[in-house]
Amino acid sequence: ATTLRTQWQTKQNYIWLAFGGVCLFGALVFWAITDQETVVDVDKKAESEVELQIQPEKVATTAHLGSFIDEVKPLDMTTRVV
């Protein structure tokens, strides 16, 4: 009975090995089909200095900036709590 079991385990191992090889081959074929040699160049517009400047009127209208400071206290990294 043990020789029958080891023969079945050997066949099962070969089946798994063959299945793994088929999956690897399929992945390589899929990779070869979807791989593109062409590189697409994307030209980004240069941002003007007006766009780069911080606009204080937008910051001033943000009324909720820092509204959770009372709900969630900032971390104090100077003390150790055990």
PDB file of N, CA and C in Angstrom:
ATOM      1  N   ALA A   1       0.815  -1.184   0.000  1.00  0.00           N
ATOM      2  CA  ALA A   1       0.000   0.000   0.000  1.00  0.00           C
ATOM      3  C   ALA A   1       0.865   1.256   0.000  1.00  0.00           C
ATOM      4  N   THR A   2       2.023   1.172   0.642  1.00  0.00           N
ATOM      5  CA  THR A   2       2.886   2.358   0.686  1.00  0.00           C
ATOM      6  C   THR A   2       3.519   2.631  -0.662  1.00  0.00           C
ATOM      7  N   THR A   3       3.831   1.595  -1.442  1.00  0.00           N
ATOM      8  CA  THR A   3       4.398   1.843  -2.771  1.00  0.00           C
ATOM      9  C   THR A   3       3.362   2.459  -3.688  1.00  0.00           C
ATOM     10  N   LEU A   4       2.089   2.030  -3.516  1.00  0.00           N
ATOM     11  CA  LEU A   4       1.018   2.615  -4.310  1.00  0.00           C
ATOM     12  C   LEU A   4       0.855   4.093  -3.955  1.00  0.00           C
ATOM     13  N   ARG A   5       0.949   4.395  -2.659  1.00  0.00           N
ATOM     14  CA  ARG A   5       0.811   5.783  -2.212  1.00  0.00           C
ATOM     15  C   ARG A   5       1.979   6.622  -2.741  1.00  0.00           C
ATOM     16  N   THR A   6       3.188   6.146  -2.683  1.00  0.00           N
ATOM     17  CA  THR A   6       4.336   6.926  -3.159  1.00  0.00           C
ATOM     18  C   THR A   6       4.275   7.096  -4.675  1.00  0.00           C
ATOM     19  N   GLN A   7       3.774   6.105  -5.397  1.00  0.00           N
ATOM     20  CA  GLN A   7       3.620   6.253  -6.842  1.00  0.00           C
ATOM     21  C   GLN A   7       2.576   7.330  -7.150  1.00  0.00           C
ATOM     22  N   TRP A   8       1.473   7.340  -6.393  1.00  0.00           N
ATOM     23  CA  TRP A   8       0.443   8.359  -6.598  1.00  0.00           C
ATOM     24  C   TRP A   8       0.993   9.739  -6.250  1.00  0.00           C
ATOM     25  N   GLN A   9       1.762   9.841  -5.184  1.00  0.00           N
ATOM     26  CA  GLN A   9       2.352  11.121  -4.812  1.00  0.00           C
ATOM     27  C   GLN A   9       3.339  11.594  -5.877  1.00  0.00           C
ATOM     28  N   THR A  10       4.075  10.698  -6.462  1.00  0.00           N
ATOM     29  CA  THR A  10       5.014  11.058  -7.526  1.00  0.00           C
ATOM     30  C   THR A  10       4.254  11.559  -8.745  1.00  0.00           C
ATOM     31  N   LYS A  11       3.177  10.860  -9.120  1.00  0.00           N
ATOM     32  CA  LYS A  11       2.359  11.318 -10.249  1.00  0.00           C
ATOM     33  C   LYS A  11       1.741  12.672  -9.952  1.00  0.00           C
ATOM     34  N   GLN A  12       1.259  12.847  -8.709  1.00  0.00           N
ATOM     35  CA  GLN A  12       0.646  14.114  -8.327  1.00  0.00           C
ATOM     36  C   GLN A  12       1.675  15.243  -8.377  1.00  0.00           C
ATOM     37  N   ASN A  13       2.896  14.970  -7.952  1.00  0.00           N
ATOM     38  CA  ASN A  13       3.947  15.995  -8.016  1.00  0.00           C
ATOM     39  C   ASN A  13       4.263  16.378  -9.454  1.00  0.00           C
ATOM     40  N   TYR A  14       4.300  15.404 -10.342  1.00  0.00           N
ATOM     41  CA  TYR A  14       4.553  15.703 -11.749  1.00  0.00           C
ATOM     42  C   TYR A  14       3.401  16.491 -12.375  1.00  0.00           C
ATOM     43  N   ILE A  15       2.171  16.187 -11.955  1.00  0.00           N
ATOM     44  CA  ILE A  15       1.012  16.934 -12.464  1.00  0.00           C
ATOM     45  C   ILE A  15       1.115  18.394 -12.034  1.00  0.00           C
ATOM     46  N   TRP A  16       1.455  18.626 -10.757  1.00  0.00           N
ATOM     47  CA  TRP A  16       1.612  20.007 -10.275  1.00  0.00           C
ATOM     48  C   TRP A  16       2.756  20.714 -10.998  1.00  0.00           C
ATOM     49  N   LEU A  17       3.845  20.016 -11.237  1.00  0.00           N
ATOM     50  CA  LEU A  17       4.980  20.601 -11.951  1.00  0.00           C
ATOM     51  C   LEU A  17       4.587  20.976 -13.377  1.00  0.00           C
ATOM     52  N   ALA A  18       3.858  20.096 -14.050  1.00  0.00           N
ATOM     53  CA  ALA A  18       3.410  20.382 -15.414  1.00  0.00           C
ATOM     54  C   ALA A  18       2.438  21.554 -15.417  1.00  0.00           C
ATOM     55  N   PHE A  19       1.519  21.613 -14.444  1.00  0.00           N
ATOM     56  CA  PHE A  19       0.576  22.720 -14.349  1.00  0.00           C
ATOM     57  C   PHE A  19       1.309  24.039 -14.109  1.00  0.00           C
ATOM     58  N   GLY A  20       2.310  24.018 -13.254  1.00  0.00           N
ATOM     59  CA  GLY A  20       3.112  25.217 -13.015  1.00  0.00           C
ATOM     60  C   GLY A  20       3.849  25.659 -14.265  1.00  0.00           C
ATOM     61  N   GLY A  21       4.368  24.700 -15.029  1.00  0.00           N
ATOM     62  CA  GLY A  21       5.049  25.041 -16.282  1.00  0.00           C
ATOM     63  C   GLY A  21       4.097  25.647 -17.301  1.00  0.00           C
ATOM     64  N   VAL A  22       2.876  25.100 -17.374  1.00  0.00           N
ATOM     65  CA  VAL A  22       1.873  25.650 -18.292  1.00  0.00           C
ATOM     66  C   VAL A  22       1.502  27.072 -17.878  1.00  0.00           C
ATOM     67  N   CYS A  23       1.342  27.310 -16.578  1.00  0.00           N
ATOM     68  CA  CYS A  23       1.028  28.663 -16.100  1.00  0.00           C
ATOM     69  C   CYS A  23       2.165  29.631 -16.406  1.00  0.00           C
ATOM     70  N   LEU A  24       3.393  29.206 -16.208  1.00  0.00           N
ATOM     71  CA  LEU A  24       4.548  30.054 -16.514  1.00  0.00           C
ATOM     72  C   LEU A  24       4.603  30.371 -18.008  1.00  0.00           C
ATOM     73  N   PHE A  25       4.364  29.358 -18.845  1.00  0.00           N
ATOM     74  CA  PHE A  25       4.373  29.575 -20.289  1.00  0.00           C
ATOM     75  C   PHE A  25       3.268  30.546 -20.690  1.00  0.00           C
ATOM     76  N   GLY A  26       2.071  30.382 -20.096  1.00  0.00           N
ATOM     77  CA  GLY A  26       0.969  31.293 -20.397  1.00  0.00           C
ATOM     78  C   GLY A  26       1.284  32.714 -19.976  1.00  0.00           C
ATOM     79  N   ALA A  27       1.925  32.879 -18.822  1.00  0.00           N
ATOM     80  CA  ALA A  27       2.292  34.215 -18.360  1.00  0.00           C
ATOM     81  C   ALA A  27       3.319  34.848 -19.289  1.00  0.00           C
ATOM     82  N   LEU A  28       4.278  34.071 -19.757  1.00  0.00           N
ATOM     83  CA  LEU A  28       5.287  34.600 -20.684  1.00  0.00           C
ATOM     84  C   LEU A  28       4.669  34.996 -22.024  1.00  0.00           C
ATOM     85  N   VAL A  29       3.724  34.199 -22.514  1.00  0.00           N
ATOM     86  CA  VAL A  29       3.044  34.530 -23.770  1.00  0.00           C
ATOM     87  C   VAL A  29       2.225  35.805 -23.589  1.00  0.00           C
ATOM     88  N   PHE A  30       1.502  35.924 -22.464  1.00  0.00           N
ATOM     89  CA  PHE A  30       0.710  37.114 -22.195  1.00  0.00           C
ATOM     90  C   PHE A  30       1.606  38.342 -22.089  1.00  0.00           C
ATOM     91  N   TRP A  31       2.753  38.196 -21.428  1.00  0.00           N
ATOM     92  CA  TRP A  31       3.697  39.307 -21.277  1.00  0.00           C
ATOM     93  C   TRP A  31       4.265  39.711 -22.644  1.00  0.00           C
ATOM     94  N   ALA A  32       4.570  38.732 -23.487  1.00  0.00           N
ATOM     95  CA  ALA A  32       5.127  39.042 -24.800  1.00  0.00           C
ATOM     96  C   ALA A  32       4.103  39.742 -25.685  1.00  0.00           C
ATOM     97  N   ILE A  33       2.830  39.372 -25.557  1.00  0.00           N
ATOM     98  CA  ILE A  33       1.793  39.994 -26.380  1.00  0.00           C
ATOM     99  C   ILE A  33       1.529  41.425 -25.923  1.00  0.00           C
ATOM    100  N   THR A  34       1.486  41.643 -24.600  1.00  0.00           N
ATOM    101  CA  THR A  34       1.123  42.964 -24.095  1.00  0.00           C
ATOM    102  C   THR A  34       2.301  43.920 -23.993  1.00  0.00           C
ATOM    103  N   ASP A  35       3.532  43.443 -24.133  1.00  0.00           N
ATOM    104  CA  ASP A  35       4.706  44.314 -24.033  1.00  0.00           C
ATOM    105  C   ASP A  35       4.807  45.165 -25.290  1.00  0.00           C
ATOM    106  N   GLN A  36       4.933  46.457 -25.095  1.00  0.00           N
ATOM    107  CA  GLN A  36       5.037  47.374 -26.224  1.00  0.00           C
ATOM    108  C   GLN A  36       6.394  48.051 -26.201  1.00  0.00           C
ATOM    109  N   GLU A  37       7.006  48.109 -27.337  1.00  0.00           N
ATOM    110  CA  GLU A  37       8.324  48.735 -27.438  1.00  0.00           C
ATOM    111  C   GLU A  37       8.233  50.246 -27.538  1.00  0.00           C
ATOM    112  N   THR A  38       7.091  50.746 -27.978  1.00  0.00           N
ATOM    113  CA  THR A  38       6.969  52.184 -28.172  1.00  0.00           C
ATOM    114  C   THR A  38       6.818  52.887 -26.829  1.00  0.00           C
ATOM    115  N   VAL A  39       7.559  53.946 -26.669  1.00  0.00           N
ATOM    116  CA  VAL A  39       7.482  54.758 -25.471  1.00  0.00           C
ATOM    117  C   VAL A  39       6.761  56.039 -25.842  1.00  0.00           C
ATOM    118  N   VAL A  40       5.722  56.346 -25.101  1.00  0.00           N
ATOM    119  CA  VAL A  40       4.934  57.525 -25.395  1.00  0.00           C
ATOM    120  C   VAL A  40       5.507  58.685 -24.604  1.00  0.00           C
ATOM    121  N   ASP A  41       5.902  59.744 -25.313  1.00  0.00           N
ATOM    122  CA  ASP A  41       6.414  60.935 -24.660  1.00  0.00           C
ATOM    123  C   ASP A  41       5.254  61.852 -24.318  1.00  0.00           C
ATOM    124  N   VAL A  42       5.215  62.266 -23.079  1.00  0.00           N
ATOM    125  CA  VAL A  42       4.176  63.172 -22.631  1.00  0.00           C
ATOM    126  C   VAL A  42       4.827  64.527 -22.391  1.00  0.00           C
ATOM    127  N   ASP A  43       4.357  65.523 -23.134  1.00  0.00           N
ATOM    128  CA  ASP A  43       4.887  66.862 -22.963  1.00  0.00           C
ATOM    129  C   ASP A  43       4.057  67.601 -21.931  1.00  0.00           C
ATOM    130  N   LYS A  44       4.726  68.027 -20.868  1.00  0.00           N
ATOM    131  CA  LYS A  44       4.025  68.748 -19.818  1.00  0.00           C
ATOM    132  C   LYS A  44       4.209  70.231 -20.056  1.00  0.00           C
ATOM    133  N   LYS A  45       3.102  70.950 -19.960  1.00  0.00           N
ATOM    134  CA  LYS A  45       3.180  72.385 -20.127  1.00  0.00           C
ATOM    135  C   LYS A  45       3.954  72.995 -18.977  1.00  0.00           C
ATOM    136  N   ALA A  46       4.768  73.963 -19.289  1.00  0.00           N
ATOM    137  CA  ALA A  46       5.487  74.677 -18.241  1.00  0.00           C
ATOM    138  C   ALA A  46       4.488  75.513 -17.455  1.00  0.00           C
ATOM    139  N   GLU A  47       4.543  75.379 -16.150  1.00  0.00           N
ATOM    140  CA  GLU A  47       3.625  76.137 -15.315  1.00  0.00           C
ATOM    141  C   GLU A  47       4.110  77.575 -15.218  1.00  0.00           C
ATOM    142  N   SER A  48       3.184  78.456 -15.305  1.00  0.00           N
ATOM    143  CA  SER A  48       3.563  79.863 -15.201  1.00  0.00           C
ATOM    144  C   SER A  48       3.824  80.207 -13.741  1.00  0.00           C
ATOM    145  N   GLU A  49       4.467  81.347 -13.536  1.00  0.00           N
ATOM    146  CA  GLU A  49       4.791  81.745 -12.175  1.00  0.00           C
ATOM    147  C   GLU A  49       3.534  82.079 -11.379  1.00  0.00           C
ATOM    148  N   VAL A  50       2.483  82.487 -12.073  1.00  0.00           N
ATOM    149  CA  VAL A  50       1.239  82.811 -11.373  1.00  0.00           C
ATOM    150  C   VAL A  50       0.648  81.553 -10.742  1.00  0.00           C
ATOM    151  N   GLU A  51       0.751  80.409 -11.447  1.00  0.00           N
ATOM    152  CA  GLU A  51       0.216  79.161 -10.910  1.00  0.00           C
ATOM    153  C   GLU A  51       1.056  78.649  -9.750  1.00  0.00           C
ATOM    154  N   LEU A  52       2.342  78.979  -9.752  1.00  0.00           N
ATOM    155  CA  LEU A  52       3.219  78.480  -8.709  1.00  0.00           C
ATOM    156  C   LEU A  52       3.125  79.293  -7.428  1.00  0.00           C
ATOM    157  N   GLN A  53       2.690  80.534  -7.516  1.00  0.00           N
ATOM    158  CA  GLN A  53       2.610  81.371  -6.331  1.00  0.00           C
ATOM    159  C   GLN A  53       1.451  80.927  -5.444  1.00  0.00           C
ATOM    160  N   ILE A  54       1.661  81.044  -4.145  1.00  0.00           N
ATOM    161  CA  ILE A  54       0.586  80.738  -3.206  1.00  0.00           C
ATOM    162  C   ILE A  54      -0.395  81.893  -3.238  1.00  0.00           C
ATOM    163  N   GLN A  55      -1.636  81.562  -3.373  1.00  0.00           N
ATOM    164  CA  GLN A  55      -2.651  82.599  -3.460  1.00  0.00           C
ATOM    165  C   GLN A  55      -3.274  82.771  -2.078  1.00  0.00           C
ATOM    166  N   PRO A  56      -2.947  83.883  -1.386  1.00  0.00           N
ATOM    167  CA  PRO A  56      -3.417  84.049  -0.012  1.00  0.00           C
ATOM    168  C   PRO A  56      -4.931  84.153   0.120  1.00  0.00           C
ATOM    169  N   GLU A  57      -5.624  84.593  -0.933  1.00  0.00           N
ATOM    170  CA  GLU A  57      -7.078  84.690  -0.810  1.00  0.00           C
ATOM    171  C   GLU A  57      -7.713  83.314  -0.707  1.00  0.00           C
ATOM    172  N   LYS A  58      -7.086  82.286  -1.328  1.00  0.00           N
ATOM    173  CA  LYS A  58      -7.610  80.933  -1.204  1.00  0.00           C
ATOM    174  C   LYS A  58      -7.329  80.368   0.181  1.00  0.00           C
ATOM    175  N   VAL A  59      -6.176  80.673   0.725  1.00  0.00           N
ATOM    176  CA  VAL A  59      -5.836  80.182   2.058  1.00  0.00           C
ATOM    177  C   VAL A  59      -6.710  80.866   3.103  1.00  0.00           C
ATOM    178  N   ALA A  60      -6.987  82.157   2.919  1.00  0.00           N
ATOM    179  CA  ALA A  60      -7.788  82.903   3.890  1.00  0.00           C
ATOM    180  C   ALA A  60      -9.232  82.410   3.915  1.00  0.00           C
ATOM    181  N   THR A  61      -9.734  81.896   2.802  1.00  0.00           N
ATOM    182  CA  THR A  61     -11.123  81.442   2.777  1.00  0.00           C
ATOM    183  C   THR A  61     -11.277  80.047   3.382  1.00  0.00           C
ATOM    184  N   THR A  62     -10.184  79.388   3.690  1.00  0.00           N
ATOM    185  CA  THR A  62     -10.265  78.063   4.299  1.00  0.00           C
ATOM    186  C   THR A  62     -10.475  78.261   5.792  1.00  0.00           C
ATOM    187  N   ALA A  63     -11.724  78.334   6.208  1.00  0.00           N
ATOM    188  CA  ALA A  63     -12.046  78.624   7.603  1.00  0.00           C
ATOM    189  C   ALA A  63     -11.833  77.405   8.494  1.00  0.00           C
ATOM    190  N   HIS A  64     -11.875  76.197   7.912  1.00  0.00           N
ATOM    191  CA  HIS A  64     -11.794  74.985   8.725  1.00  0.00           C
ATOM    192  C   HIS A  64     -10.367  74.490   8.899  1.00  0.00           C
ATOM    193  N   LEU A  65      -9.407  75.286   8.475  1.00  0.00           N
ATOM    194  CA  LEU A  65      -8.016  74.874   8.595  1.00  0.00           C
ATOM    195  C   LEU A  65      -7.643  74.818  10.074  1.00  0.00           C
ATOM    196  N   GLY A  66      -7.257  73.664  10.561  1.00  0.00           N
ATOM    197  CA  GLY A  66      -6.892  73.498  11.962  1.00  0.00           C
ATOM    198  C   GLY A  66      -8.073  73.365  12.884  1.00  0.00           C
ATOM    199  N   SER A  67      -9.253  73.015  12.372  1.00  0.00           N
ATOM    200  CA  SER A  67     -10.439  72.930  13.224  1.00  0.00           C
ATOM    201  C   SER A  67     -10.412  71.708  14.132  1.00  0.00           C
ATOM    202  N   PHE A  68      -9.633  70.705  13.802  1.00  0.00           N
ATOM    203  CA  PHE A  68      -9.578  69.507  14.627  1.00  0.00           C
ATOM    204  C   PHE A  68      -8.451  69.547  15.648  1.00  0.00           C
ATOM    205  N   ILE A  69      -7.829  70.686  15.840  1.00  0.00           N
ATOM    206  CA  ILE A  69      -6.706  70.781  16.767  1.00  0.00           C
ATOM    207  C   ILE A  69      -7.143  70.491  18.196  1.00  0.00           C
ATOM    208  N   ASP A  70      -8.422  70.777  18.534  1.00  0.00           N
ATOM    209  CA  ASP A  70      -8.912  70.480  19.874  1.00  0.00           C
ATOM    210  C   ASP A  70      -9.357  69.025  19.988  1.00  0.00           C
ATOM    211  N   GLU A  71      -9.787  68.438  18.894  1.00  0.00           N
ATOM    212  CA  GLU A  71     -10.252  67.051  18.922  1.00  0.00           C
ATOM    213  C   GLU A  71      -9.089  66.069  18.980  1.00  0.00           C
ATOM    214  N   VAL A  72      -8.085  66.312  18.150  1.00  0.00           N
ATOM    215  CA  VAL A  72      -6.928  65.426  18.068  1.00  0.00           C
ATOM    216  C   VAL A  72      -5.714  66.246  18.453  1.00  0.00           C
ATOM    217  N   LYS A  73      -5.157  65.937  19.607  1.00  0.00           N
ATOM    218  CA  LYS A  73      -4.007  66.695  20.093  1.00  0.00           C
ATOM    219  C   LYS A  73      -2.763  66.318  19.289  1.00  0.00           C
ATOM    220  N   PRO A  74      -1.880  67.284  19.039  1.00  0.00           N
ATOM    221  CA  PRO A  74      -0.622  66.964  18.349  1.00  0.00           C
ATOM    222  C   PRO A  74       0.226  66.025  19.199  1.00  0.00           C
ATOM    223  N   LEU A  75       1.011  65.201  18.535  1.00  0.00           N
ATOM    224  CA  LEU A  75       1.863  64.259  19.251  1.00  0.00           C
ATOM    225  C   LEU A  75       2.983  65.006  19.954  1.00  0.00           C
ATOM    226  N   ASP A  76       3.215  64.611  21.188  1.00  0.00           N
ATOM    227  CA  ASP A  76       4.321  65.166  21.945  1.00  0.00           C
ATOM    228  C   ASP A  76       5.405  64.109  21.986  1.00  0.00           C
ATOM    229  N   MET A  77       6.457  64.307  21.207  1.00  0.00           N
ATOM    230  CA  MET A  77       7.487  63.295  21.073  1.00  0.00           C
ATOM    231  C   MET A  77       8.574  63.417  22.150  1.00  0.00           C
ATOM    232  N   THR A  78       8.408  64.319  23.107  1.00  0.00           N
ATOM    233  CA  THR A  78       9.442  64.519  24.113  1.00  0.00           C
ATOM    234  C   THR A  78       9.219  63.651  25.336  1.00  0.00           C
ATOM    235  N   THR A  79       7.982  63.208  25.578  1.00  0.00           N
ATOM    236  CA  THR A  79       7.731  62.369  26.749  1.00  0.00           C
ATOM    237  C   THR A  79       7.376  60.961  26.312  1.00  0.00           C
ATOM    238  N   ARG A  80       7.714  60.011  27.165  1.00  0.00           N
ATOM    239  CA  ARG A  80       7.446  58.597  26.864  1.00  0.00           C
ATOM    240  C   ARG A  80       6.376  58.111  27.823  1.00  0.00           C
ATOM    241  N   VAL A  81       5.291  57.586  27.275  1.00  0.00           N
ATOM    242  CA  VAL A  81       4.200  57.070  28.093  1.00  0.00           C
ATOM    243  C   VAL A  81       4.248  55.557  28.047  1.00  0.00           C
ATOM    244  N   VAL A  82       4.300  54.943  29.218  1.00  0.00           N
ATOM    245  CA  VAL A  82       4.383  53.486  29.296  1.00  0.00           C
ATOM    246  C   VAL A  82       3.088  52.933  29.834  1.00  0.00           C
TER     247      VAL A  82
END
